C-alpha atoms as a PDB file:
ATOM      1  CA  MET A   1      26.334 -23.750 -24.765  1.00  0.00           C
ATOM      2  CA  ALA A   2      27.068 -22.466 -21.390  1.00  0.00           C
ATOM      3  CA  GLY A   3      25.809 -19.101 -22.689  1.00  0.00           C
ATOM      4  CA  PHE A   4      23.035 -20.400 -24.290  1.00  0.00           C
ATOM      5  CA  LEU A   5      21.790 -22.434 -21.071  1.00  0.00           C
ATOM      6  CA  SER A   6      22.217 -18.991 -19.016  1.00  0.00           C
ATOM      7  CA  ALA A   7      20.037 -17.370 -21.390  1.00  0.00           C
ATOM      8  CA  TYR A   8      17.089 -19.657 -21.324  1.00  0.00           C
ATOM      9  CA  LEU A   9      17.474 -19.993 -17.611  1.00  0.00           C
ATOM     10  CA  SER A  10      17.217 -16.205 -17.016  1.00  0.00           C
ATOM     11  CA  ARG A  11      14.413 -16.202 -19.765  1.00  0.00           C
ATOM     12  CA  LEU A  12      12.306 -18.924 -17.478  1.00  0.00           C
ATOM     13  CA  ARG A  13      12.993 -17.117 -14.415  1.00  0.00           C
ATOM     14  CA  PHE A  14      11.497 -13.769 -15.916  1.00  0.00           C
ATOM     15  CA  TRP A  15       8.443 -15.922 -17.076  1.00  0.00           C
ATOM     16  CA  TYR A  16       7.941 -17.494 -13.910  1.00  0.00           C
ATOM     17  CA  ALA A  17       8.386 -14.418 -11.843  1.00  0.00           C
ATOM     18  CA  ALA A  18       5.455 -12.403 -14.398  1.00  0.00           C
ATOM     19  CA  LYS A  19       3.127 -15.619 -14.033  1.00  0.00           C
ATOM     20  CA  GLN A  20       3.677 -15.562 -10.220  1.00  0.00           C
ATOM     21  CA  VAL A  21       3.085 -11.461 -10.026  1.00  0.00           C
ATOM     22  CA  CYS A  22       0.091 -11.989 -12.119  1.00  0.00           C
ATOM     23  CA  ALA A  23      -1.340 -14.592 -10.017  1.00  0.00           C
ATOM     24  CA  GLU A  24      -1.032 -12.458  -6.570  1.00  0.00           C
ATOM     25  CA  ILE A  25      -2.139  -9.317  -8.345  1.00  0.00           C
ATOM     26  CA  GLN A  26      -5.308 -11.337  -9.111  1.00  0.00           C
ATOM     27  CA  GLN A  27      -5.875 -12.041  -5.724  1.00  0.00           C
ATOM     28  CA  LEU A  28      -6.180  -8.881  -4.423  1.00  0.00           C
ATOM     29  CA  SER A  29      -9.214  -7.205  -2.716  1.00  0.00           C
ATOM     30  CA  SER A  30     -10.414  -3.880  -4.458  1.00  0.00           C
ATOM     31  CA  ALA A  31      -8.812  -2.234  -1.279  1.00  0.00           C
ATOM     32  CA  GLN A  32      -5.726  -3.642  -1.764  1.00  0.00           C
ATOM     33  CA  GLY A  33      -5.599  -3.156  -5.416  1.00  0.00           C
ATOM     34  CA  ALA A  34      -6.015   0.675  -4.975  1.00  0.00           C
ATOM     35  CA  HIS A  35      -3.446   0.657  -2.414  1.00  0.00           C
ATOM     36  CA  LEU A  36      -0.951  -1.256  -4.817  1.00  0.00           C
ATOM     37  CA  ALA A  37      -1.973   1.044  -7.769  1.00  0.00           C
ATOM     38  CA  LEU A  38      -1.034   4.031  -5.636  1.00  0.00           C
ATOM     39  CA  THR A  39       2.227   2.549  -4.741  1.00  0.00           C
ATOM     40  CA  ILE A  40       3.429   1.814  -7.862  1.00  0.00           C
ATOM     41  CA  ALA A  41       2.318   5.131  -8.832  1.00  0.00           C
ATOM     42  CA  LEU A  42       4.941   6.223  -6.012  1.00  0.00           C
ATOM     43  CA  LEU A  43       7.269   3.764  -6.800  1.00  0.00           C
ATOM     44  CA  ARG A  44       7.177   5.116 -10.853  1.00  0.00           C
ATOM     45  CA  ALA A  45       7.673   8.930  -9.823  1.00  0.00           C
ATOM     46  CA  LYS A  46      10.641   7.625  -7.321  1.00  0.00           C
ATOM     47  CA  MET A  47      11.996   6.054 -10.532  1.00  0.00           C
ATOM     48  CA  SER A  48      12.530   9.172 -12.039  1.00  0.00           C
ATOM     49  CA  GLU A  49      15.299  10.307  -9.505  1.00  0.00           C
ATOM     50  CA  VAL A  50      17.276   6.972 -10.013  1.00  0.00           C
ATOM     51  CA  GLN A  51      19.518   6.439 -13.159  1.00  0.00           C
ATOM     52  CA  ALA A  52      19.329   3.011 -14.863  1.00  0.00           C
ATOM     53  CA  PRO A  53      22.694   1.140 -14.510  1.00  0.00           C
ATOM     54  CA  GLY A  54      25.100   1.429 -17.127  1.00  0.00           C
ATOM     55  CA  SER A  55      23.428   4.197 -18.727  1.00  0.00           C
ATOM     56  CA  SER A  56      22.351   7.710 -18.882  1.00  0.00           C
ATOM     57  CA  PHE A  57      18.577   6.973 -18.773  1.00  0.00           C
ATOM     58  CA  ALA A  58      16.189   7.419 -15.819  1.00  0.00           C
ATOM     59  CA  MET A  59      14.653   3.907 -14.579  1.00  0.00           C
ATOM     60  CA  SER A  60      11.066   5.683 -15.328  1.00  0.00           C
ATOM     61  CA  GLU A  61      12.251   5.823 -18.977  1.00  0.00           C
ATOM     62  CA  VAL A  62      13.486   2.485 -19.080  1.00  0.00           C
ATOM     63  CA  ILE A  63      10.291   0.938 -17.407  1.00  0.00           C
ATOM     64  CA  GLN A  64       8.097   2.815 -19.531  1.00  0.00           C
ATOM     65  CA  HIS A  65       9.709   1.595 -22.995  1.00  0.00           C
ATOM     66  CA  PRO A  66      11.683  -1.838 -21.642  1.00  0.00           C
ATOM     67  CA  MET A  67      11.607  -2.968 -25.596  1.00  0.00           C
ATOM     68  CA  ALA A  68      13.339   0.515 -26.958  1.00  0.00           C
ATOM     69  CA  TYR A  69      16.522  -0.319 -24.759  1.00  0.00           C
ATOM     70  CA  ARG A  70      19.150  -2.985 -25.133  1.00  0.00           C
ATOM     71  CA  GLU A  71      18.788  -5.765 -22.965  1.00  0.00           C
ATOM     72  CA  GLU A  72      21.786  -5.312 -20.569  1.00  0.00           C
ATOM     73  CA  ILE A  73      20.206  -2.208 -19.946  1.00  0.00           C
ATOM     74  CA  CYS A  74      16.977  -3.821 -18.736  1.00  0.00           C
ATOM     75  CA  ASP A  75      18.601  -6.565 -16.963  1.00  0.00           C
ATOM     76  CA  ALA A  76      20.928  -4.258 -15.037  1.00  0.00           C
ATOM     77  CA  ALA A  77      17.652  -2.620 -14.141  1.00  0.00           C
ATOM     78  CA  PHE A  78      16.060  -5.369 -13.316  1.00  0.00           C
ATOM     79  CA  ARG A  79      18.366  -6.269 -11.064  1.00  0.00           C
ATOM     80  CA  LEU A  80      18.635  -2.713  -9.543  1.00  0.00           C
ATOM     81  CA  LEU A  81      15.068  -3.030  -8.424  1.00  0.00           C
ATOM     82  CA  LYS A  82      15.449  -6.468  -7.040  1.00  0.00           C
ATOM     83  CA  ASP A  83      18.244  -4.956  -4.569  1.00  0.00           C
ATOM     84  CA  MET A  84      15.790  -2.360  -3.843  1.00  0.00           C
ATOM     85  CA  ARG A  85      13.171  -4.612  -2.919  1.00  0.00           C
ATOM     86  CA  GLN A  86      15.432  -6.637  -1.192  1.00  0.00           C
ATOM     87  CA  ALA A  87      16.456  -3.274   0.883  1.00  0.00           C
ATOM     88  CA  GLU A  88      12.729  -2.920   1.577  1.00  0.00           C
ATOM     89  CA  ARG A  89      12.432  -6.388   3.444  1.00  0.00           C
ATOM     90  CA  GLU A  90      15.712  -6.203   5.224  1.00  0.00           C
ATOM     91  CA  LYS A  91      14.229  -3.328   6.909  1.00  0.00           C
ATOM     92  CA  ILE A  92      11.159  -5.111   8.183  1.00  0.00           C
ATOM     93  CA  ARG A  93      13.200  -7.555   9.078  1.00  0.00           C
ATOM     94  CA  SER A  94      15.224  -5.450  11.195  1.00  0.00           C
ATOM     95  CA  TYR A  95      12.624  -4.320  13.172  1.00  0.00           C
ATOM     96  CA  GLU A  96      11.534  -8.420  14.011  1.00  0.00           C
ATOM     97  CA  SER A  97      15.128  -8.775  14.802  1.00  0.00           C
ATOM     98  CA  PHE A  98      14.550  -6.379  17.503  1.00  0.00           C
ATOM     99  CA  GLY A  99      11.162  -8.096  18.839  1.00  0.00           C
ATOM    100  CA  VAL A 100       9.044  -5.287  17.505  1.00  0.00           C
ATOM    101  CA  SER A 101       6.524  -6.971  15.261  1.00  0.00           C
ATOM    102  CA  PRO A 102       5.125  -5.066  12.762  1.00  0.00           C
ATOM    103  CA  SER A 103       1.703  -3.870  12.610  1.00  0.00           C
ATOM    104  CA  PRO A 104      -0.586  -5.573  10.117  1.00  0.00           C
ATOM    105  CA  VAL A 105      -1.327  -2.383   8.219  1.00  0.00           C
ATOM    106  CA  LEU A 106       2.294  -1.986   7.670  1.00  0.00           C
ATOM    107  CA  ARG A 107       2.711  -5.384   7.145  1.00  0.00           C
ATOM    108  CA  GLU A 108       0.112  -5.462   4.726  1.00  0.00           C
ATOM    109  CA  HIS A 109       1.672  -1.971   3.168  1.00  0.00           C
ATOM    110  CA  THR A 110       5.064  -3.810   3.111  1.00  0.00           C
ATOM    111  CA  GLU A 111       3.728  -7.142   0.813  1.00  0.00           C
ATOM    112  CA  LEU A 112       1.892  -4.742  -1.307  1.00  0.00           C
ATOM    113  CA  SER A 113       5.011  -2.515  -2.089  1.00  0.00           C
ATOM    114  CA  ASP A 114       6.901  -5.712  -2.674  1.00  0.00           C
ATOM    115  CA  LEU A 115       4.474  -6.686  -5.063  1.00  0.00           C
ATOM    116  CA  GLY A 116       4.845  -3.115  -6.707  1.00  0.00           C
ATOM    117  CA  PHE A 117       8.447  -3.495  -7.005  1.00  0.00           C
ATOM    118  CA  SER A 118       7.666  -7.164  -8.604  1.00  0.00           C
ATOM    119  CA  LEU A 119       5.557  -6.140 -11.245  1.00  0.00           C
ATOM    120  CA  LEU A 120       7.915  -2.878 -12.270  1.00  0.00           C
ATOM    121  CA  MET A 121      10.716  -5.848 -12.326  1.00  0.00           C
ATOM    122  CA  SER A 122       8.857  -8.024 -14.790  1.00  0.00           C
ATOM    123  CA  THR A 123       7.824  -4.789 -16.806  1.00  0.00           C
ATOM    124  CA  LEU A 124      11.764  -4.223 -17.299  1.00  0.00           C
ATOM    125  CA  ALA A 125      12.181  -8.054 -18.086  1.00  0.00           C
ATOM    126  CA  VAL A 126       9.811  -7.721 -21.016  1.00  0.00           C
ATOM    127  CA  GLY A 127      13.178  -5.955 -22.408  1.00  0.00           C
ATOM    128  CA  CYS A 128      14.757  -9.226 -22.148  1.00  0.00           C
ATOM    129  CA  ASN A 129      11.829 -11.742 -22.525  1.00  0.00           C
ATOM    130  CA  PRO A 130       9.379  -9.949 -25.194  1.00  0.00           C
ATOM    131  CA  GLY A 131       7.400 -13.501 -24.281  1.00  0.00           C
ATOM    132  CA  ILE A 132       6.122 -12.246 -21.266  1.00  0.00           C
ATOM    133  CA  LEU A 133       4.578  -9.203 -22.583  1.00  0.00           C
ATOM    134  CA  LYS A 134       1.214 -10.562 -22.733  1.00  0.00           C
ATOM    135  CA  THR A 135       1.466 -11.619 -19.076  1.00  0.00           C
ATOM    136  CA  VAL A 136       2.671  -8.423 -17.857  1.00  0.00           C
ATOM    137  CA  LYS A 137       0.053  -6.217 -20.083  1.00  0.00           C
ATOM    138  CA  PHE A 138      -2.747  -8.352 -18.114  1.00  0.00           C
ATOM    139  CA  SER A 139      -1.063  -7.487 -15.024  1.00  0.00           C
ATOM    140  CA  TRP A 140      -1.087  -3.752 -15.702  1.00  0.00           C
ATOM    141  CA  GLU A 141      -4.609  -3.798 -16.795  1.00  0.00           C
ATOM    142  CA  THR A 142      -6.028  -5.557 -13.644  1.00  0.00           C
ATOM    143  CA  ILE A 143      -3.947  -3.006 -11.685  1.00  0.00           C
ATOM    144  CA  ALA A 144      -5.902  -0.495 -13.708  1.00  0.00           C
ATOM    145  CA  THR A 145      -9.194  -1.548 -13.134  1.00  0.00           C
ATOM    146  CA  PHE A 146      -8.862  -1.167  -9.808  1.00  0.00           C
ATOM    147  CA  SER A 147      -9.246   2.299  -9.711  1.00  0.00           C
ATOM    148  CA  PRO A 148      -8.475   3.946  -6.168  1.00  0.00           C
ATOM    149  CA  LEU A 149     -10.093   6.998  -5.306  1.00  0.00           C
ATOM    150  CA  ALA A 150      -8.752  10.297  -3.184  1.00  0.00           C
ATOM    151  CA  ALA A 151     -10.427   8.144   0.012  1.00  0.00           C
ATOM    152  CA  ASN A 152      -7.408   5.352  -0.821  1.00  0.00           C
ATOM    153  CA  ILE A 153      -4.561   8.164  -0.723  1.00  0.00           C
ATOM    154  CA  GLU A 154      -5.713   9.448   2.482  1.00  0.00           C
ATOM    155  CA  VAL A 155      -5.648   5.637   4.038  1.00  0.00           C
ATOM    156  CA  LEU A 156      -2.364   5.547   2.497  1.00  0.00           C
ATOM    157  CA  MET A 157      -1.215   9.152   3.864  1.00  0.00           C
ATOM    158  CA  THR A 158      -2.110   7.631   7.333  1.00  0.00           C
ATOM    159  CA  MET A 159       0.798   5.327   6.972  1.00  0.00           C
ATOM    160  CA  PRO A 160       4.078   6.060   9.499  1.00  0.00           C
ATOM    161  CA  GLU A 161       6.018   9.043   7.861  1.00  0.00           C
ATOM    162  CA  TYR A 162       9.296   6.783   8.171  1.00  0.00           C
ATOM    163  CA  ILE A 163       7.719   4.209   5.676  1.00  0.00           C
ATOM    164  CA  LEU A 164       6.279   6.522   3.006  1.00  0.00           C
ATOM    165  CA  ASN A 165       9.494   8.613   3.159  1.00  0.00           C
ATOM    166  CA  ASP A 166      11.258   6.071   0.923  1.00  0.00           C
ATOM    167  CA  GLU A 167       8.343   6.090  -1.385  1.00  0.00           C
ATOM    168  CA  ILE A 168       7.430   9.627  -1.606  1.00  0.00           C
ATOM    169  CA  VAL A 169      10.629  11.744  -3.668  1.00  0.00           C
ATOM    170  CA  GLN A 170       8.468  15.022  -3.856  1.00  0.00           C
ATOM    171  CA  PRO A 171       4.594  15.758  -2.827  1.00  0.00           C
ATOM    172  CA  ILE A 172       1.964  14.459  -5.521  1.00  0.00           C
ATOM    173  CA  GLU A 173      -1.009  16.461  -6.189  1.00  0.00           C
ATOM    174  CA  THR A 174      -4.152  14.027  -5.410  1.00  0.00           C
ATOM    175  CA  ASP A 175      -5.396  14.338  -9.173  1.00  0.00           C
ATOM    176  CA  ARG A 176      -1.943  13.792 -10.727  1.00  0.00           C
ATOM    177  CA  TRP A 177      -1.118  10.742  -8.253  1.00  0.00           C
ATOM    178  CA  LEU A 178      -4.833   9.270  -9.139  1.00  0.00           C
ATOM    179  CA  GLU A 179      -4.093   9.561 -12.667  1.00  0.00           C
ATOM    180  CA  MET A 180      -0.663   8.267 -12.180  1.00  0.00           C
ATOM    181  CA  ALA A 181      -2.052   4.970 -10.761  1.00  0.00           C
ATOM    182  CA  ARG A 182      -4.306   4.395 -13.634  1.00  0.00           C
ATOM    183  CA  THR A 183      -1.963   4.937 -16.381  1.00  0.00           C
ATOM    184  CA  LEU A 184      -0.284   1.867 -18.270  1.00  0.00           C
ATOM    185  CA  PRO A 185       3.519   2.382 -19.418  1.00  0.00           C
ATOM    186  CA  ASP A 186       3.376   3.637 -22.508  1.00  0.00           C
ATOM    187  CA  PHE A 187       4.411   0.262 -24.311  1.00  0.00           C
ATOM    188  CA  LEU A 188       1.662  -1.584 -23.204  1.00  0.00           C
ATOM    189  CA  LYS A 189      -0.508   1.566 -25.149  1.00  0.00           C
ATOM    190  CA  THR A 190       0.301   0.069 -28.196  1.00  0.00           C
ATOM    191  CA  SER A 191       1.403  -3.348 -27.867  1.00  0.00           C
ATOM    192  CA  LEU A 192      -0.665  -6.293 -29.135  1.00  0.00           C
END
């Protein structure tokens, strides 16, 4: 009985998180949406360098096809992203603990990066709770409508280097970055 309750609560948590992410994405301006799409593309590129816990797969592979992996792998990957998101939050809190207030631009980037992590977490959660697939797909389709441009990349590249160093693993060509920002994970292209 305890196992059933735990599984039910976990699915409920994934459902609520996916709905919350979807609602936040719906509130974005077009400039914020473009910024988010580009940030998610950076995070997805970074995930090709990170191994999913308990497996030999890159996180980017699991994000592309969460329903093709065992629930345990998706859950462990979800928790790893949650820890990475928390580390980013702690970085900003550490500035504040020293009395340094982040600029509004940095604060917005941090919030959008946080939302990007949350969308990737919800994407992984589809492997644990396929019932959230429609919500996650709607979130990704909304992101794709923001259609970032090269000018949006230029704005993002004005961020302080110490912020983007965590997100940019390798330089990305502008055209490739824009293509990545407009691309849904593979499993969403064929589902529903």
